[in-house]
Amino acid sequence: MKIIPDTAITDLLCQEQLPEPCGLVIFGASGDLTRRKLLPAVFHLHRRGLLPERFFLLGFARSAKTDAAFREEFVRALPAGEAAAARAFAGRLFYQAGTYDDQAACRALADRLAALDQAAGTDGNLLFYLATPPELVAPIVGNLAPAGLLREVAGGGGWRRVVFEKPFGHDRASARAVDGELRRHLAEGQIYRIDHYLGKETVQNLFMLRFANLIFEPLWNNRYIDQVQITAAETVGIEHRAGYFERTGLVRDMFQNHLLQLLALTAMEPPTSFAAEAVLAAKNQVLESVRPFAGREEIGRRCVRGQYVAGGGHPGYREEEGVAPGSATETYAAAQFFIDNWRWGGVPFYLRSGKRLPVRRTEIAVVFKPVPFSIFAPLQPTDLARNVLVLNVQPDEGIELTIQAKRPGPKLCMSRLTLDVKYREVFQASPPEAYERLLHDAMLGDRTLFIPATFIDHAWRLLDPVLECWAEPCCQAESPLHPYPAGGWGPAAAEALLRRDGRGWRND
């Protein structure tokens, strides 16, 4: 489908702010996340003119290396065609070695940052990115504080912000404990909990789709919508991450953050404005209204867990390197959620995610109810394909709308037609990487696409009972760990979850 954007309007509204002068400090600078995502994101922000002129980046990690070596690694990590521009930018990159639990190293870091701030003229503004394992977050923050690196001075002297990655605790109690440690040294407004899904263009487009188009909002309720399916499917297995995944499992890895975020964005009430406080409050209200799972029988009825076994030339999960032979860690989960409010009462939200599935796809599918009456005898309302609005989050970001239309030929010749808008084709450009959006927002102090502590607490409130049940031997009868072949769409029990309601997953 060819769509030509109205460039006059687009140019009028397509505006970006330039952050204040600042320094970016990346802990875990020798890690994979920094090399693959963070450094390229910073460089591409520079290429797009979205970094302040007065800016520096300091990498901090245990590995001993010089500024020159760090800069060369940065250049080599980028495509060859960008090498010249990368070398010109690399002069703003610096490196400091040290251990994360050493206060002396933090004091040395403070001295280095003071010198870099003076040389670059960044006015004391510092953004700390903790690209480290979650167990290091509280110790790092605890060492930064005594060194004076987190102190914001009223009336000037520089802002200080800290970004860190999921998982946000292992359960509700641990999440609250970590948050308590952080809040000893940081105000909530200084804490930026990052979920890269929220930086994706299609996820952000939910705001525009719902609240800038009159045609959707009147239909966005239980009178017209039959169900919502949110899928995050991966073709890969655990990719040598057995140590992490064995501790975490699929629900902690995907549901607690990514999928519940997508649910909240889909179901939220119109916020009073596009300001962070209003948007975050509207998302919190959704999770407050999600019906909790009442006991192990209901968990068994509304939740399914699975683990992949050998298939399609791939080993089973228990044959993966580093996985215990009798592991009960789930690599697949599906669940039925209900939101108990006037807008969504009675509408099921089906969430699923899994490893070793047939395709890599993350999407939100809003399935509308059938027409109330068919004038096209002998066709009945149930014979007509449903209208479905799909937001493709990855890998092909875009929007699909399925409608009924007449095919050329006989007078009564009806067919399903899907209007498919792919961002890359329509706008003749690839969407920016999610980390570009989120790093830029963190520098601006815009928390709209970050996660507040209250949301995390609500998420664990919903999921803790499920995880606790699955860990108990007495729950095995109601909630068995279902095997499914690698390359399949998950266990048969997940299909039965929807079939019981007269529905089915979107597996095509």
Protein backbone atom coordinates (compact mmCIF):
# COMPACT_ATOMS: atom_id res chain seq x y z
CA MET A 1 0.00 0.00 0.00
CA LYS A 2 1.43 3.35 -1.00
CA ILE A 3 0.96 6.25 1.40
CA ILE A 4 2.51 9.65 0.88
CA PRO A 5 2.96 11.55 4.15
CA ASP A 6 1.90 15.19 4.20
CA THR A 7 5.40 16.63 4.43
CA ALA A 8 4.23 20.19 5.07
CA ILE A 9 2.45 19.14 8.24
CA THR A 10 5.11 16.61 9.14
CA ASP A 11 7.88 19.20 8.94
CA LEU A 12 5.85 21.62 11.03
CA LEU A 13 5.43 19.12 13.86
CA CYS A 14 8.63 17.11 13.53
CA GLN A 15 10.79 18.81 16.12
CA GLU A 16 13.49 17.62 18.49
CA GLN A 17 14.99 19.42 21.45
CA LEU A 18 18.73 19.72 21.92
CA PRO A 19 19.90 18.55 25.35
CA GLU A 20 21.91 20.79 27.62
CA PRO A 21 25.68 20.31 27.65
CA CYS A 22 26.45 17.11 29.54
CA GLY A 23 28.77 14.19 30.08
CA LEU A 24 27.72 10.55 29.71
CA VAL A 25 29.40 7.94 31.93
CA ILE A 26 28.89 4.28 30.95
CA PHE A 27 29.63 1.66 33.59
CA GLY A 28 30.27 -1.68 31.91
CA ALA A 29 31.98 0.06 28.98
CA SER A 30 33.75 -3.10 27.85
CA GLY A 31 30.52 -5.11 27.64
CA ASP A 32 28.39 -6.26 24.75
CA LEU A 33 25.53 -3.80 25.36
CA THR A 34 27.91 -0.84 25.23
CA ARG A 35 29.64 -2.06 22.06
CA ARG A 36 26.54 -3.11 20.11
CA LYS A 37 23.95 -0.57 21.25
CA LEU A 38 25.05 2.34 23.40
CA LEU A 39 28.11 3.64 21.54
CA PRO A 40 26.43 3.38 18.10
CA ALA A 41 23.33 5.11 19.51
CA VAL A 42 25.41 8.02 20.85
CA PHE A 43 27.26 8.32 17.54
CA HIS A 44 24.03 8.31 15.51
CA LEU A 45 22.57 10.99 17.76
CA HIS A 46 25.67 13.02 16.92
CA ARG A 47 25.19 12.39 13.18
CA ARG A 48 21.58 13.55 13.46
CA GLY A 49 22.62 16.75 15.24
CA LEU A 50 20.94 15.74 18.51
CA LEU A 51 23.94 15.86 20.83
CA PRO A 52 24.99 19.12 22.47
CA GLU A 53 28.17 20.63 21.12
CA ARG A 54 29.65 20.51 24.61
CA PHE A 55 29.60 16.79 25.32
CA PHE A 56 31.91 13.99 26.38
CA LEU A 57 31.57 10.26 27.03
CA LEU A 58 33.61 8.39 29.62
CA GLY A 59 33.63 4.61 29.69
CA PHE A 60 34.30 2.88 33.00
CA ALA A 61 35.05 -0.84 33.38
CA ARG A 62 37.42 -3.29 35.02
CA SER A 63 39.48 -3.90 31.87
CA ALA A 64 42.69 -1.91 31.64
CA LYS A 65 42.90 0.15 28.45
CA THR A 66 43.80 3.63 27.28
CA ASP A 67 41.61 6.35 25.81
CA ALA A 68 43.14 5.57 22.43
CA ALA A 69 42.30 1.87 22.66
CA PHE A 70 38.71 2.64 23.68
CA ARG A 71 38.34 5.02 20.75
CA GLU A 72 39.73 2.47 18.30
CA GLU A 73 37.29 -0.18 19.56
CA PHE A 74 34.45 2.30 19.04
CA VAL A 75 35.49 2.98 15.43
CA ARG A 76 35.86 -0.73 14.63
CA ALA A 77 32.38 -1.49 15.98
CA LEU A 78 30.76 0.77 13.36
CA PRO A 79 30.29 0.04 9.63
CA ALA A 80 33.33 0.79 7.49
CA GLY A 81 31.47 3.58 5.68
CA GLU A 82 31.19 5.53 8.93
CA ALA A 83 34.84 5.19 9.94
CA ALA A 84 35.92 8.71 8.96
CA ALA A 85 33.06 10.40 10.81
CA ALA A 86 33.55 8.03 13.76
CA ARG A 87 37.23 8.95 14.07
CA ALA A 88 36.36 12.65 14.09
CA PHE A 89 33.80 12.06 16.86
CA ALA A 90 36.02 9.68 18.85
CA GLY A 91 37.96 12.61 20.33
CA ARG A 92 35.04 13.09 22.74
CA LEU A 93 35.45 9.55 24.10
CA PHE A 94 37.52 8.73 27.18
CA TYR A 95 38.12 5.68 29.35
CA GLN A 96 38.90 4.94 32.97
CA ALA A 97 39.59 1.53 34.50
CA GLY A 98 38.43 0.58 37.97
CA THR A 99 36.41 -1.87 40.01
CA TYR A 100 32.78 -1.14 40.76
CA ASP A 101 32.94 -1.72 44.52
CA ASP A 102 36.04 0.38 45.18
CA GLN A 103 35.43 3.79 46.75
CA ALA A 104 38.94 4.89 45.85
CA ALA A 105 38.16 4.18 42.20
CA CYS A 106 35.02 6.32 42.50
CA ARG A 107 36.99 9.19 44.00
CA ALA A 108 39.45 8.93 41.10
CA LEU A 109 36.47 8.89 38.75
CA ALA A 110 35.14 12.06 40.38
CA ASP A 111 38.47 13.80 39.82
CA ARG A 112 38.55 12.69 36.17
CA LEU A 113 34.99 13.87 35.58
CA ALA A 114 35.71 17.25 37.14
CA ALA A 115 38.62 17.71 34.73
CA LEU A 116 36.56 16.58 31.72
CA ASP A 117 33.67 18.82 32.74
CA GLN A 118 35.94 21.83 32.94
CA ALA A 119 37.59 21.05 29.60
CA ALA A 120 34.32 20.37 27.76
CA GLY A 121 32.24 23.03 29.50
CA THR A 122 29.39 20.67 30.40
CA ASP A 123 28.21 22.70 33.43
CA GLY A 124 28.39 19.75 35.82
CA ASN A 125 25.57 17.82 34.09
CA LEU A 126 26.16 14.06 34.24
CA LEU A 127 24.19 11.06 32.98
CA PHE A 128 25.32 7.71 34.39
CA TYR A 129 24.38 4.59 32.42
CA LEU A 130 24.75 1.34 34.37
CA ALA A 131 25.23 -1.28 31.62
CA THR A 132 26.10 -3.82 34.29
CA PRO A 133 24.50 -6.90 35.89
CA PRO A 134 21.56 -5.90 38.14
CA GLU A 135 23.30 -7.00 41.33
CA LEU A 136 25.88 -4.23 40.77
CA VAL A 137 23.36 -1.38 40.51
CA ALA A 138 22.95 -0.67 44.23
CA PRO A 139 26.71 -1.02 45.02
CA ILE A 140 27.68 1.34 42.19
CA VAL A 141 25.14 3.96 43.26
CA GLY A 142 26.25 3.48 46.86
CA ASN A 143 29.85 4.31 45.87
CA LEU A 144 28.97 7.21 43.58
CA ALA A 145 27.14 9.03 46.38
CA PRO A 146 30.06 9.39 48.87
CA ALA A 147 32.21 10.66 46.00
CA GLY A 148 29.71 13.50 45.52
CA LEU A 149 28.80 12.38 42.01
CA LEU A 150 25.03 12.15 42.59
CA ARG A 151 24.56 15.44 44.39
CA GLU A 152 22.46 18.04 42.59
CA VAL A 153 22.93 21.62 43.72
CA ALA A 154 19.81 23.79 43.91
CA GLY A 155 19.98 26.79 41.59
CA GLY A 156 22.69 25.34 39.36
CA GLY A 157 25.76 23.19 39.57
CA GLY A 158 24.54 20.43 37.31
CA TRP A 159 21.91 17.72 37.19
CA ARG A 160 22.72 14.04 37.89
CA ARG A 161 20.69 11.14 36.45
CA VAL A 162 21.16 7.36 36.57
CA VAL A 163 19.91 4.94 33.90
CA PHE A 164 19.81 1.20 34.53
CA GLU A 165 18.48 -1.90 32.80
CA LYS A 166 16.11 -4.70 33.74
CA PRO A 167 15.55 -6.99 35.50
CA PHE A 168 14.17 -4.72 38.21
CA GLY A 169 14.43 -7.18 41.07
CA HIS A 170 13.71 -10.90 41.14
CA ASP A 171 10.33 -10.48 42.81
CA ARG A 172 8.35 -7.78 44.58
CA ALA A 173 10.36 -7.94 47.81
CA SER A 174 13.75 -7.71 46.07
CA ALA A 175 12.54 -4.91 43.76
CA ARG A 176 11.43 -2.92 46.78
CA ALA A 177 14.75 -3.60 48.51
CA VAL A 178 16.77 -2.38 45.50
CA ASP A 179 14.53 0.65 45.16
CA GLY A 180 15.04 1.42 48.84
CA GLU A 181 18.82 1.31 48.38
CA LEU A 182 18.63 3.63 45.38
CA ARG A 183 16.31 6.07 47.11
CA ARG A 184 18.87 6.50 49.90
CA HIS A 185 20.99 8.41 47.42
CA LEU A 186 18.67 9.45 44.56
CA ALA A 187 15.32 11.15 44.18
CA GLU A 188 12.82 9.26 42.01
CA GLY A 189 13.17 11.98 39.36
CA GLN A 190 16.88 11.12 39.01
CA ILE A 191 16.21 7.42 38.34
CA TYR A 192 15.65 6.25 34.74
CA ARG A 193 14.63 2.59 34.51
CA ILE A 194 14.99 1.69 30.86
CA ASP A 195 12.93 -0.74 28.77
CA HIS A 196 14.17 -0.61 25.19
CA TYR A 197 10.75 -1.69 23.87
CA LEU A 198 9.41 1.74 24.84
CA GLY A 199 11.94 3.38 22.53
CA LYS A 200 10.62 1.62 19.44
CA GLU A 201 8.75 3.81 16.97
CA THR A 202 5.66 1.59 16.76
CA VAL A 203 5.24 1.53 20.52
CA GLN A 204 5.45 5.31 20.64
CA ASN A 205 3.00 5.44 17.74
CA LEU A 206 0.31 4.02 20.03
CA PHE A 207 0.00 7.51 21.51
CA MET A 208 -0.45 9.11 18.09
CA LEU A 209 -2.75 6.40 16.78
CA ARG A 210 -5.15 6.60 19.70
CA PHE A 211 -5.05 10.22 20.73
CA ALA A 212 -4.45 12.09 17.46
CA ASN A 213 -7.08 10.21 15.40
CA LEU A 214 -10.76 10.55 16.21
CA ILE A 215 -11.71 7.33 14.39
CA PHE A 216 -10.12 5.00 16.95
CA GLU A 217 -10.98 6.38 20.39
CA PRO A 218 -14.79 5.85 20.12
CA LEU A 219 -14.13 2.18 19.26
CA TRP A 220 -11.40 1.59 21.87
CA ASN A 221 -13.57 -0.17 24.43
CA ASN A 222 -15.44 -3.36 25.30
CA ARG A 223 -18.41 -2.49 23.12
CA TYR A 224 -16.39 -2.95 19.92
CA ILE A 225 -13.24 -4.87 20.84
CA ASP A 226 -13.43 -8.62 21.35
CA GLN A 227 -9.86 -9.34 22.48
CA VAL A 228 -6.28 -8.06 22.44
CA GLN A 229 -3.30 -10.33 21.72
CA ILE A 230 0.25 -9.26 22.55
CA THR A 231 2.97 -11.54 21.23
CA ALA A 232 6.75 -11.42 21.64
CA ALA A 233 8.14 -14.39 19.71
CA GLU A 234 11.83 -15.23 19.30
CA THR A 235 13.41 -17.81 17.04
CA VAL A 236 16.60 -17.99 19.10
CA GLY A 237 17.20 -20.06 22.20
CA ILE A 238 19.12 -18.76 25.20
CA GLU A 239 22.33 -17.99 23.21
CA HIS A 240 24.94 -18.91 25.85
CA ARG A 241 23.03 -17.00 28.54
CA ALA A 242 22.13 -20.05 30.64
CA GLY A 243 23.45 -18.47 33.84
CA TYR A 244 21.10 -15.52 33.46
CA PHE A 245 18.11 -17.37 32.06
CA GLU A 246 18.18 -20.22 34.58
CA ARG A 247 17.83 -17.62 37.37
CA THR A 248 15.28 -15.52 35.53
CA GLY A 249 12.99 -17.53 33.26
CA LEU A 250 10.69 -16.24 30.57
CA VAL A 251 8.12 -14.52 32.79
CA ARG A 252 10.67 -12.42 34.64
CA ASP A 253 12.55 -11.73 31.41
CA MET A 254 9.61 -10.67 29.23
CA PHE A 255 6.29 -10.32 31.08
CA GLN A 256 7.32 -8.26 34.08
CA ASN A 257 8.55 -5.43 31.89
CA HIS A 258 8.05 -5.62 28.12
CA LEU A 259 4.63 -7.27 27.82
CA LEU A 260 2.96 -5.52 30.73
CA GLN A 261 4.29 -2.23 29.36
CA LEU A 262 2.64 -2.95 26.01
CA LEU A 263 -0.59 -3.91 27.77
CA ALA A 264 -0.59 -0.65 29.74
CA LEU A 265 0.07 1.48 26.67
CA THR A 266 -2.71 -0.25 24.75
CA ALA A 267 -5.29 0.00 27.54
CA MET A 268 -4.49 3.34 29.19
CA GLU A 269 -7.04 6.13 29.49
CA PRO A 270 -6.31 9.39 27.63
CA PRO A 271 -3.78 11.28 29.76
CA THR A 272 -4.36 14.95 30.46
CA SER A 273 -1.25 15.80 28.43
CA PHE A 274 1.79 14.23 26.77
CA ALA A 275 3.87 15.18 29.81
CA ALA A 276 5.69 12.39 31.65
CA GLU A 277 3.72 12.66 34.88
CA ALA A 278 0.35 12.38 33.12
CA VAL A 279 1.39 9.46 30.89
CA LEU A 280 3.01 7.49 33.71
CA ALA A 281 -0.04 8.01 35.94
CA ALA A 282 -2.37 6.71 33.21
CA LYS A 283 -0.22 3.58 32.76
CA ASN A 284 -0.14 2.94 36.50
CA GLN A 285 -3.94 3.11 36.61
CA VAL A 286 -4.12 0.27 34.11
CA LEU A 287 -1.98 -2.08 36.21
CA GLU A 288 -3.94 -1.13 39.32
CA SER A 289 -7.07 -2.35 37.50
CA VAL A 290 -5.66 -5.66 36.23
CA ARG A 291 -7.43 -8.55 37.94
CA PRO A 292 -4.99 -10.59 40.08
CA PHE A 293 -4.80 -14.36 39.82
CA ALA A 294 -6.85 -15.82 42.68
CA GLY A 295 -5.24 -19.05 43.79
CA ARG A 296 -3.47 -21.90 42.08
CA GLU A 297 -6.61 -23.25 40.32
CA GLU A 298 -7.10 -19.94 38.53
CA ILE A 299 -3.39 -19.72 37.73
CA GLY A 300 -3.66 -23.17 36.15
CA ARG A 301 -6.71 -22.08 34.17
CA ARG A 302 -5.42 -18.70 32.95
CA CYS A 303 -1.64 -19.28 32.66
CA VAL A 304 0.43 -21.75 30.63
CA ARG A 305 4.15 -22.42 30.87
CA GLY A 306 6.32 -24.47 28.56
CA GLN A 307 9.88 -25.48 27.78
CA TYR A 308 11.25 -26.29 24.34
CA VAL A 309 12.55 -29.73 23.54
CA ALA A 310 14.67 -30.80 20.56
CA GLY A 311 13.19 -30.05 17.16
CA GLY A 312 14.04 -28.55 13.80
CA GLY A 313 17.71 -29.37 14.22
CA HIS A 314 17.91 -27.47 17.53
CA PRO A 315 18.67 -29.01 20.93
CA GLY A 316 16.15 -28.91 23.73
CA TYR A 317 16.52 -26.36 26.51
CA ARG A 318 17.88 -28.96 28.92
CA GLU A 319 20.58 -29.86 26.40
CA GLU A 320 21.80 -26.26 26.12
CA GLU A 321 25.23 -25.53 27.58
CA GLY A 322 25.01 -24.55 31.24
CA VAL A 323 21.40 -25.70 31.79
CA ALA A 324 20.69 -28.24 34.54
CA PRO A 325 19.48 -31.59 33.13
CA GLY A 326 16.27 -31.45 35.15
CA SER A 327 15.66 -27.69 34.82
CA ALA A 328 12.06 -26.53 35.30
CA THR A 329 12.74 -23.03 33.93
CA GLU A 330 10.03 -21.91 31.53
CA THR A 331 11.05 -20.78 28.02
CA TYR A 332 7.44 -20.07 27.03
CA ALA A 333 4.54 -18.46 28.85
CA ALA A 334 1.03 -17.43 27.91
CA ALA A 335 -1.59 -15.82 30.13
CA GLN A 336 -5.07 -14.34 30.04
CA PHE A 337 -5.46 -10.98 31.76
CA PHE A 338 -8.58 -8.94 32.49
CA ILE A 339 -8.74 -5.22 33.24
CA ASP A 340 -11.59 -4.53 35.62
CA ASN A 341 -12.79 -1.07 34.62
CA TRP A 342 -15.60 0.38 32.51
CA ARG A 343 -13.58 0.60 29.30
CA TRP A 344 -12.23 -2.96 29.28
CA GLY A 345 -14.53 -5.00 31.50
CA GLY A 346 -14.91 -8.50 29.98
CA VAL A 347 -12.26 -8.07 27.25
CA PRO A 348 -9.48 -10.67 27.54
CA PHE A 349 -5.89 -9.58 26.97
CA TYR A 350 -3.85 -12.60 25.87
CA LEU A 351 -0.10 -12.24 26.38
CA ARG A 352 2.51 -14.74 25.23
CA SER A 353 6.23 -14.94 24.68
CA GLY A 354 8.65 -17.74 23.96
CA LYS A 355 12.03 -18.92 22.79
CA ARG A 356 12.57 -21.14 19.72
CA LEU A 357 9.30 -20.15 18.05
CA PRO A 358 8.84 -20.18 14.24
CA VAL A 359 9.26 -16.44 13.64
CA ARG A 360 10.74 -13.41 15.33
CA ARG A 361 7.84 -11.07 15.87
CA THR A 362 6.54 -8.64 18.46
CA GLU A 363 3.07 -7.29 17.83
CA ILE A 364 -0.07 -5.91 19.42
CA ALA A 365 -3.22 -7.21 17.72
CA VAL A 366 -6.57 -5.57 18.52
CA VAL A 367 -9.36 -7.89 17.32
CA PHE A 368 -12.76 -6.26 16.89
CA LYS A 369 -16.12 -7.90 17.40
CA PRO A 370 -18.14 -9.22 14.41
CA VAL A 371 -20.75 -7.03 12.76
CA PRO A 372 -24.08 -7.34 14.64
CA PHE A 373 -26.04 -8.37 11.52
CA SER A 374 -25.14 -9.51 8.01
CA ILE A 375 -27.16 -8.24 5.05
CA PHE A 376 -25.10 -10.50 2.77
CA ALA A 377 -27.22 -13.64 2.94
CA PRO A 378 -26.42 -16.49 3.23
CA LEU A 379 -23.33 -15.20 5.07
CA GLN A 380 -23.74 -14.86 8.83
CA PRO A 381 -21.86 -12.27 10.95
CA THR A 382 -19.55 -15.04 12.17
CA ASP A 383 -18.67 -15.91 8.55
CA LEU A 384 -17.09 -12.51 7.98
CA ALA A 385 -13.43 -12.05 8.90
CA ARG A 386 -12.92 -9.77 11.90
CA ASN A 387 -11.43 -6.32 11.60
CA VAL A 388 -7.97 -6.52 13.15
CA LEU A 389 -5.60 -3.65 13.89
CA VAL A 390 -2.01 -4.82 14.30
CA LEU A 391 0.93 -2.76 15.48
CA ASN A 392 4.14 -4.51 14.43
CA VAL A 393 6.77 -3.57 17.00
CA GLN A 394 9.60 -5.61 15.49
CA PRO A 395 11.28 -6.54 13.23
CA ASP A 396 9.24 -4.81 10.47
CA GLU A 397 7.85 -1.80 12.30
CA GLY A 398 4.49 -0.75 10.93
CA ILE A 399 0.70 -0.95 11.12
CA GLU A 400 -1.78 -3.36 9.53
CA LEU A 401 -5.56 -3.04 9.32
CA THR A 402 -7.65 -5.95 8.09
CA ILE A 403 -11.05 -5.16 6.57
CA GLN A 404 -13.64 -6.82 4.36
CA ALA A 405 -13.77 -5.66 0.74
CA LYS A 406 -15.39 -6.69 -2.53
CA ARG A 407 -13.25 -8.63 -4.96
CA PRO A 408 -13.64 -8.08 -8.72
CA GLY A 409 -16.09 -10.60 -10.16
CA PRO A 410 -19.56 -11.68 -9.05
CA LYS A 411 -21.88 -9.22 -7.35
CA LEU A 412 -21.41 -10.93 -3.98
CA CYS A 413 -17.71 -11.64 -3.86
CA MET A 414 -16.16 -10.66 -0.56
CA SER A 415 -12.57 -11.03 0.58
CA ARG A 416 -10.35 -10.06 3.45
CA LEU A 417 -8.04 -7.14 2.62
CA THR A 418 -5.09 -6.06 4.76
CA LEU A 419 -3.83 -2.49 4.53
CA ASP A 420 -0.16 -2.75 5.41
CA VAL A 421 1.98 0.28 6.28
CA LYS A 422 5.69 -0.39 6.80
CA TYR A 423 7.65 2.52 8.24
CA ARG A 424 10.75 1.91 6.13
CA GLU A 425 8.77 1.93 2.87
CA VAL A 426 6.44 4.82 3.63
CA PHE A 427 8.93 7.23 5.16
CA GLN A 428 11.90 6.07 3.07
CA ALA A 429 14.03 5.70 6.17
CA SER A 430 14.77 3.20 8.88
CA PRO A 431 13.36 4.10 12.30
CA PRO A 432 16.01 5.21 14.78
CA GLU A 433 17.27 2.56 17.18
CA ALA A 434 15.33 2.44 20.44
CA TYR A 435 18.44 3.32 22.47
CA GLU A 436 18.85 6.54 20.50
CA ARG A 437 15.40 7.72 21.55
CA LEU A 438 15.85 6.72 25.17
CA LEU A 439 19.37 8.12 25.61
CA HIS A 440 18.23 11.39 24.08
CA ASP A 441 15.20 11.56 26.41
CA ALA A 442 17.38 10.81 29.45
CA MET A 443 19.68 13.70 28.51
CA LEU A 444 16.60 15.92 28.20
CA GLY A 445 15.22 14.76 31.54
CA ASP A 446 12.05 13.42 29.87
CA ARG A 447 10.85 10.34 31.82
CA THR A 448 7.79 9.60 29.63
CA LEU A 449 9.30 6.42 28.14
CA PHE A 450 10.93 5.22 31.35
CA ILE A 451 9.44 3.11 34.14
CA PRO A 452 8.50 4.45 37.58
CA ALA A 453 8.88 2.39 40.75
CA THR A 454 5.11 2.22 41.19
CA PHE A 455 4.67 0.42 37.85
CA ILE A 456 7.30 -2.16 38.75
CA ASP A 457 5.62 -2.76 42.09
CA HIS A 458 2.23 -3.33 40.44
CA ALA A 459 3.79 -5.69 37.89
CA TRP A 460 5.37 -7.85 40.58
CA ARG A 461 2.11 -7.82 42.55
CA LEU A 462 0.45 -9.52 39.55
CA LEU A 463 3.22 -11.98 38.72
CA ASP A 464 4.61 -13.00 42.11
CA PRO A 465 1.68 -15.38 42.83
CA VAL A 466 2.22 -17.12 39.47
CA LEU A 467 5.95 -17.58 39.98
CA GLU A 468 5.49 -18.71 43.57
CA CYS A 469 2.87 -21.24 42.48
CA TRP A 470 5.07 -22.63 39.70
CA ALA A 471 7.90 -23.08 42.19
CA GLU A 472 5.77 -25.25 44.52
CA PRO A 473 5.58 -29.03 43.95
CA CYS A 474 1.88 -28.98 44.88
CA CYS A 475 1.13 -26.77 41.83
CA GLN A 476 2.43 -29.26 39.28
CA ALA A 477 -0.98 -30.82 38.68
CA GLU A 478 -2.69 -27.49 37.89
CA SER A 479 0.32 -25.86 36.16
CA PRO A 480 2.57 -28.49 34.57
CA LEU A 481 5.62 -27.52 32.53
CA HIS A 482 4.46 -28.38 29.01
CA PRO A 483 7.08 -29.45 26.45
CA TYR A 484 6.95 -28.02 22.92
CA PRO A 485 9.22 -28.73 19.95
CA ALA A 486 11.78 -26.08 19.00
CA GLY A 487 10.42 -24.29 15.96
CA GLY A 488 6.78 -24.75 16.99
CA TRP A 489 4.29 -22.19 18.29
CA GLY A 490 4.45 -23.41 21.86
CA PRO A 491 2.60 -26.09 23.82
CA ALA A 492 -0.85 -27.33 22.88
CA ALA A 493 -2.10 -26.07 26.26
CA ALA A 494 -1.56 -22.49 25.03
CA GLU A 495 -3.85 -23.13 22.07
CA ALA A 496 -6.40 -24.67 24.44
CA LEU A 497 -6.27 -21.51 26.59
CA LEU A 498 -7.89 -19.53 23.75
CA ARG A 499 -9.89 -22.35 22.19
CA ARG A 500 -11.80 -22.66 25.47
CA ASP A 501 -13.07 -19.12 24.81
CA GLY A 502 -13.83 -19.81 21.13
CA ARG A 503 -10.75 -17.91 20.00
CA GLY A 504 -7.31 -18.71 18.57
CA TRP A 505 -3.81 -17.27 18.45
CA ARG A 506 -2.60 -15.32 15.44
CA ASN A 507 0.00 -17.80 14.21
CA ASP A 508 0.13 -16.90 10.51
